[in-house]
C-alpha cells in the first residue's frame, strides 16, 4: 500500500513540476527536444509521461518567454532564455521555503 501511494505521489509531483524539470534540464546550457524530455523523465524517474503533457508544458514555457524554440537539423529544440535562467535561479534560492511548504502540507 505504501509503495502504491509513494509511486502515485512521485508521478503527480513530476507532472506538476514538469516545467521546473524542463528548466533545470536546460540550465546546463544544452538544447533539448520534447522527445528528450520524455526520455529524461523516464530514465531518471522511471515514469512514462505522455507527449501531450510534455509539449503542453513546453508551449507554456515558450509563451511565457522562459525558453525559446529553434530549428536544429530539421528538429525543433529548446533553450533557456535569460528570463528562464532568472526563474531557475530564483527557484533554487527558494528551495528551503519550498521544503517548508511541503512539510506544512503534510503537517510535519
N, C-alpha and C. Protein backbone atom coordinates (compact mmCIF):
# COMPACT_ATOMS: atom_id res chain seq x y z
N UNK A 1 0.83 -1.20 0.00
CA UNK A 1 0.00 0.00 0.00
C UNK A 1 0.87 1.26 0.00
N UNK A 2 1.90 1.28 0.86
CA UNK A 2 2.78 2.45 0.92
C UNK A 2 3.46 2.70 -0.42
N UNK A 3 3.91 1.63 -1.06
CA UNK A 3 4.60 1.75 -2.34
C UNK A 3 3.68 2.35 -3.40
N UNK A 4 2.42 1.92 -3.42
CA UNK A 4 1.46 2.46 -4.38
C UNK A 4 1.22 3.95 -4.15
N UNK A 5 1.10 4.33 -2.90
CA UNK A 5 0.88 5.75 -2.56
C UNK A 5 2.10 6.57 -2.97
N UNK A 6 3.29 6.05 -2.64
CA UNK A 6 4.53 6.75 -2.97
C UNK A 6 4.68 6.91 -4.48
N UNK A 7 4.41 5.87 -5.24
CA UNK A 7 4.51 5.94 -6.70
C UNK A 7 3.51 6.95 -7.27
N UNK A 8 2.31 6.95 -6.73
CA UNK A 8 1.31 7.92 -7.18
C UNK A 8 1.74 9.34 -6.89
N UNK A 9 2.29 9.57 -5.71
CA UNK A 9 2.78 10.90 -5.35
C UNK A 9 3.94 11.32 -6.23
N UNK A 10 4.86 10.40 -6.51
CA UNK A 10 6.00 10.71 -7.37
C UNK A 10 5.52 11.15 -8.75
N UNK A 11 4.60 10.38 -9.31
CA UNK A 11 4.11 10.70 -10.65
C UNK A 11 3.39 12.04 -10.67
N UNK A 12 2.54 12.28 -9.68
CA UNK A 12 1.82 13.57 -9.61
C UNK A 12 2.79 14.73 -9.43
N UNK A 13 3.79 14.55 -8.58
CA UNK A 13 4.78 15.61 -8.34
C UNK A 13 5.55 15.93 -9.61
N UNK A 14 6.00 14.91 -10.31
CA UNK A 14 6.74 15.13 -11.55
C UNK A 14 5.88 15.84 -12.58
N UNK A 15 4.63 15.41 -12.73
CA UNK A 15 3.74 16.07 -13.68
C UNK A 15 3.46 17.52 -13.29
N UNK A 16 3.31 17.77 -11.99
CA UNK A 16 3.02 19.13 -11.53
C UNK A 16 4.22 20.06 -11.64
N UNK A 17 5.41 19.48 -11.57
CA UNK A 17 6.62 20.30 -11.62
C UNK A 17 7.40 20.09 -12.91
N UNK A 18 6.73 19.61 -13.94
CA UNK A 18 7.42 19.32 -15.19
C UNK A 18 8.07 20.58 -15.78
N UNK A 19 7.44 21.73 -15.57
CA UNK A 19 8.03 22.97 -16.07
C UNK A 19 9.39 23.22 -15.43
N UNK A 20 9.50 23.00 -14.12
CA UNK A 20 10.78 23.19 -13.44
C UNK A 20 11.79 22.13 -13.86
N UNK A 21 11.33 20.92 -14.10
CA UNK A 21 12.24 19.87 -14.58
C UNK A 21 12.82 20.25 -15.94
N UNK A 22 11.99 20.80 -16.81
CA UNK A 22 12.46 21.22 -18.14
C UNK A 22 13.47 22.35 -17.99
N UNK A 23 13.15 23.34 -17.18
CA UNK A 23 14.07 24.46 -16.97
C UNK A 23 15.39 23.98 -16.38
N UNK A 24 15.32 23.08 -15.41
CA UNK A 24 16.54 22.56 -14.78
C UNK A 24 17.39 21.79 -15.80
N UNK A 25 16.74 21.04 -16.66
CA UNK A 25 17.46 20.28 -17.68
C UNK A 25 18.14 21.23 -18.68
N UNK A 26 17.47 22.32 -18.99
CA UNK A 26 18.05 23.31 -19.91
C UNK A 26 19.11 24.18 -19.25
N UNK A 27 19.14 24.20 -17.94
CA UNK A 27 20.06 25.06 -17.20
C UNK A 27 21.52 24.69 -17.43
N UNK A 28 21.78 23.50 -17.94
CA UNK A 28 23.16 23.09 -18.19
C UNK A 28 23.72 23.66 -19.49
N UNK A 29 22.91 24.44 -20.22
CA UNK A 29 23.38 25.10 -21.43
C UNK A 29 23.13 24.34 -22.71
N UNK A 30 22.60 23.13 -22.63
CA UNK A 30 22.30 22.35 -23.83
C UNK A 30 20.90 22.68 -24.34
N UNK A 31 20.63 22.24 -25.53
CA UNK A 31 19.27 22.31 -26.06
C UNK A 31 18.65 20.92 -25.94
N UNK A 32 17.33 20.88 -25.81
CA UNK A 32 16.63 19.59 -25.75
C UNK A 32 15.35 19.68 -26.56
N UNK A 33 14.89 18.53 -26.97
CA UNK A 33 13.61 18.43 -27.69
C UNK A 33 12.57 17.87 -26.72
N UNK A 34 11.32 17.89 -27.15
CA UNK A 34 10.26 17.30 -26.34
C UNK A 34 10.52 15.82 -26.11
N UNK A 35 10.99 15.15 -27.13
CA UNK A 35 11.31 13.72 -27.02
C UNK A 35 12.42 13.50 -25.98
N UNK A 36 13.40 14.40 -25.95
CA UNK A 36 14.47 14.30 -24.94
C UNK A 36 13.92 14.43 -23.52
N UNK A 37 12.94 15.31 -23.35
CA UNK A 37 12.32 15.49 -22.03
C UNK A 37 11.63 14.20 -21.59
N UNK A 38 10.88 13.61 -22.50
CA UNK A 38 10.19 12.35 -22.20
C UNK A 38 11.19 11.28 -21.79
N UNK A 39 12.28 11.15 -22.56
CA UNK A 39 13.30 10.14 -22.25
C UNK A 39 14.01 10.44 -20.94
N UNK A 40 14.32 11.69 -20.67
CA UNK A 40 14.99 12.06 -19.42
C UNK A 40 14.14 11.71 -18.21
N UNK A 41 12.86 12.04 -18.29
CA UNK A 41 11.96 11.73 -17.17
C UNK A 41 11.85 10.22 -16.99
N UNK A 42 11.74 9.50 -18.08
CA UNK A 42 11.66 8.04 -17.98
C UNK A 42 12.94 7.45 -17.40
N UNK A 43 14.09 7.92 -17.88
CA UNK A 43 15.37 7.38 -17.40
C UNK A 43 15.67 7.75 -15.95
N UNK A 44 15.32 8.96 -15.55
CA UNK A 44 15.64 9.43 -14.19
C UNK A 44 14.61 9.02 -13.15
N UNK A 45 13.33 8.94 -13.55
CA UNK A 45 12.27 8.71 -12.58
C UNK A 45 11.45 7.45 -12.85
N UNK A 46 11.73 6.77 -13.96
CA UNK A 46 11.03 5.53 -14.34
C UNK A 46 9.52 5.73 -14.44
N UNK A 47 9.17 6.87 -15.03
CA UNK A 47 7.76 7.22 -15.22
C UNK A 47 7.58 7.58 -16.68
N UNK A 48 6.50 7.10 -17.26
CA UNK A 48 6.16 7.45 -18.64
C UNK A 48 5.21 8.64 -18.62
N UNK A 49 5.60 9.70 -19.30
CA UNK A 49 4.78 10.90 -19.39
C UNK A 49 4.33 11.03 -20.84
N UNK A 50 3.09 11.38 -21.04
CA UNK A 50 2.58 11.48 -22.40
C UNK A 50 3.19 12.69 -23.12
N UNK A 51 3.34 12.58 -24.43
CA UNK A 51 3.83 13.73 -25.20
C UNK A 51 2.95 14.96 -25.01
N UNK A 52 1.65 14.77 -24.87
CA UNK A 52 0.75 15.90 -24.66
C UNK A 52 1.08 16.68 -23.40
N UNK A 53 1.41 15.97 -22.34
CA UNK A 53 1.79 16.63 -21.08
C UNK A 53 3.08 17.41 -21.26
N UNK A 54 4.05 16.81 -21.91
CA UNK A 54 5.36 17.45 -22.10
C UNK A 54 5.24 18.67 -23.01
N UNK A 55 4.59 18.50 -24.15
CA UNK A 55 4.51 19.62 -25.09
C UNK A 55 3.62 20.74 -24.57
N UNK A 56 2.64 20.43 -23.78
CA UNK A 56 1.83 21.47 -23.15
C UNK A 56 2.71 22.33 -22.24
N UNK A 57 3.58 21.68 -21.46
CA UNK A 57 4.49 22.41 -20.58
C UNK A 57 5.51 23.22 -21.39
N UNK A 58 6.02 22.62 -22.45
CA UNK A 58 6.98 23.33 -23.31
C UNK A 58 6.35 24.57 -23.92
N UNK A 59 5.14 24.44 -24.44
CA UNK A 59 4.47 25.59 -25.05
C UNK A 59 4.18 26.68 -24.01
N UNK A 60 3.81 26.27 -22.81
CA UNK A 60 3.59 27.23 -21.73
C UNK A 60 4.88 28.01 -21.44
N UNK A 61 5.99 27.29 -21.31
CA UNK A 61 7.28 27.94 -21.03
C UNK A 61 7.69 28.87 -22.16
N UNK A 62 7.43 28.43 -23.38
CA UNK A 62 7.79 29.26 -24.54
C UNK A 62 6.93 30.52 -24.62
N UNK A 63 5.62 30.37 -24.40
CA UNK A 63 4.72 31.54 -24.42
C UNK A 63 5.08 32.56 -23.35
N UNK A 64 5.62 32.08 -22.24
CA UNK A 64 5.98 32.97 -21.14
C UNK A 64 7.42 33.47 -21.22
N UNK A 65 8.10 33.16 -22.32
CA UNK A 65 9.44 33.69 -22.55
C UNK A 65 10.54 33.04 -21.73
N UNK A 66 10.28 31.87 -21.17
CA UNK A 66 11.30 31.21 -20.35
C UNK A 66 12.22 30.32 -21.17
N UNK A 67 11.71 29.84 -22.31
CA UNK A 67 12.52 29.07 -23.25
C UNK A 67 12.20 29.55 -24.65
N UNK A 68 13.08 29.22 -25.58
CA UNK A 68 12.80 29.54 -26.97
C UNK A 68 13.12 28.33 -27.83
N UNK A 69 12.30 28.14 -28.84
CA UNK A 69 12.48 27.03 -29.76
C UNK A 69 13.31 27.45 -30.95
N UNK A 70 14.18 26.56 -31.39
CA UNK A 70 15.00 26.80 -32.58
C UNK A 70 15.01 25.52 -33.42
N UNK A 71 15.20 25.68 -34.71
CA UNK A 71 15.30 24.51 -35.58
C UNK A 71 16.76 24.09 -35.65
N UNK A 72 16.99 22.81 -35.42
CA UNK A 72 18.34 22.26 -35.46
C UNK A 72 18.26 20.93 -36.20
N UNK A 73 18.79 20.90 -37.40
CA UNK A 73 18.74 19.69 -38.22
C UNK A 73 17.32 19.16 -38.39
N UNK A 74 16.43 20.01 -38.83
CA UNK A 74 15.02 19.65 -39.07
C UNK A 74 14.28 19.21 -37.81
N UNK A 75 14.81 19.54 -36.66
CA UNK A 75 14.20 19.15 -35.40
C UNK A 75 14.07 20.41 -34.54
N UNK A 76 12.93 20.57 -33.89
CA UNK A 76 12.73 21.73 -33.01
C UNK A 76 13.28 21.39 -31.64
N UNK A 77 14.22 22.20 -31.20
CA UNK A 77 14.80 22.04 -29.87
C UNK A 77 14.62 23.35 -29.11
N UNK A 78 14.82 23.28 -27.82
CA UNK A 78 14.55 24.43 -26.96
C UNK A 78 15.78 24.76 -26.14
N UNK A 79 15.91 26.05 -25.86
CA UNK A 79 16.99 26.52 -24.99
C UNK A 79 16.44 27.54 -24.01
N UNK A 80 17.16 27.72 -22.95
CA UNK A 80 16.76 28.62 -21.88
C UNK A 80 17.00 30.08 -22.30
N UNK A 81 16.06 30.94 -21.99
CA UNK A 81 16.24 32.38 -22.22
C UNK A 81 16.80 32.99 -20.94
N UNK A 82 17.14 34.26 -21.01
CA UNK A 82 17.61 34.96 -19.80
C UNK A 82 16.54 34.94 -18.72
N UNK A 83 15.29 35.14 -19.12
CA UNK A 83 14.18 35.10 -18.16
C UNK A 83 14.07 33.71 -17.53
N UNK A 84 14.28 32.68 -18.32
CA UNK A 84 14.26 31.31 -17.80
C UNK A 84 15.38 31.07 -16.82
N UNK A 85 16.56 31.61 -17.12
CA UNK A 85 17.71 31.47 -16.20
C UNK A 85 17.40 32.15 -14.87
N UNK A 86 16.82 33.34 -14.94
CA UNK A 86 16.45 34.06 -13.71
C UNK A 86 15.43 33.26 -12.90
N UNK A 87 14.47 32.67 -13.60
CA UNK A 87 13.43 31.88 -12.93
C UNK A 87 14.03 30.68 -12.21
N UNK A 88 14.93 29.96 -12.86
CA UNK A 88 15.52 28.78 -12.23
C UNK A 88 16.41 29.20 -11.07
N UNK A 89 17.13 30.31 -11.19
CA UNK A 89 17.96 30.80 -10.08
C UNK A 89 17.10 31.19 -8.88
N UNK A 90 15.99 31.87 -9.14
CA UNK A 90 15.08 32.26 -8.06
C UNK A 90 14.48 31.04 -7.40
N UNK A 91 14.10 30.05 -8.19
CA UNK A 91 13.54 28.81 -7.64
C UNK A 91 14.56 28.11 -6.76
N UNK A 92 15.81 28.09 -7.18
CA UNK A 92 16.87 27.46 -6.38
C UNK A 92 17.06 28.20 -5.05
N UNK A 93 16.95 29.52 -5.08
CA UNK A 93 17.07 30.31 -3.86
C UNK A 93 15.92 30.03 -2.89
N UNK A 94 14.76 29.67 -3.43
CA UNK A 94 13.57 29.43 -2.62
C UNK A 94 13.47 27.98 -2.14
N UNK A 95 14.48 27.18 -2.36
CA UNK A 95 14.45 25.75 -2.05
C UNK A 95 14.00 25.48 -0.61
N UNK A 96 14.57 26.16 0.35
CA UNK A 96 14.20 25.92 1.76
C UNK A 96 12.75 26.29 2.02
N UNK A 97 12.28 27.37 1.43
CA UNK A 97 10.89 27.76 1.61
C UNK A 97 9.95 26.73 0.98
N UNK A 98 10.36 26.16 -0.14
CA UNK A 98 9.56 25.12 -0.79
C UNK A 98 9.50 23.88 0.11
N UNK A 99 10.62 23.52 0.71
CA UNK A 99 10.65 22.38 1.63
C UNK A 99 9.72 22.62 2.81
N UNK A 100 9.73 23.84 3.34
CA UNK A 100 8.86 24.18 4.46
C UNK A 100 7.39 24.08 4.05
N UNK A 101 7.08 24.54 2.85
CA UNK A 101 5.71 24.46 2.34
C UNK A 101 5.25 23.01 2.26
N UNK A 102 6.10 22.13 1.74
CA UNK A 102 5.75 20.72 1.63
C UNK A 102 5.56 20.11 3.03
N UNK A 103 6.43 20.47 3.96
CA UNK A 103 6.30 19.99 5.34
C UNK A 103 4.98 20.45 5.95
N UNK A 104 4.60 21.70 5.71
CA UNK A 104 3.34 22.22 6.23
C UNK A 104 2.16 21.48 5.59
N UNK A 105 2.29 21.17 4.33
CA UNK A 105 1.25 20.46 3.61
C UNK A 105 0.93 19.12 4.29
N UNK A 106 1.96 18.47 4.78
CA UNK A 106 1.78 17.16 5.42
C UNK A 106 1.73 17.26 6.95
N UNK A 107 1.73 18.46 7.47
CA UNK A 107 1.58 18.64 8.91
C UNK A 107 2.76 18.18 9.73
N UNK A 108 3.97 18.28 9.16
CA UNK A 108 5.15 17.87 9.93
C UNK A 108 5.93 19.06 10.42
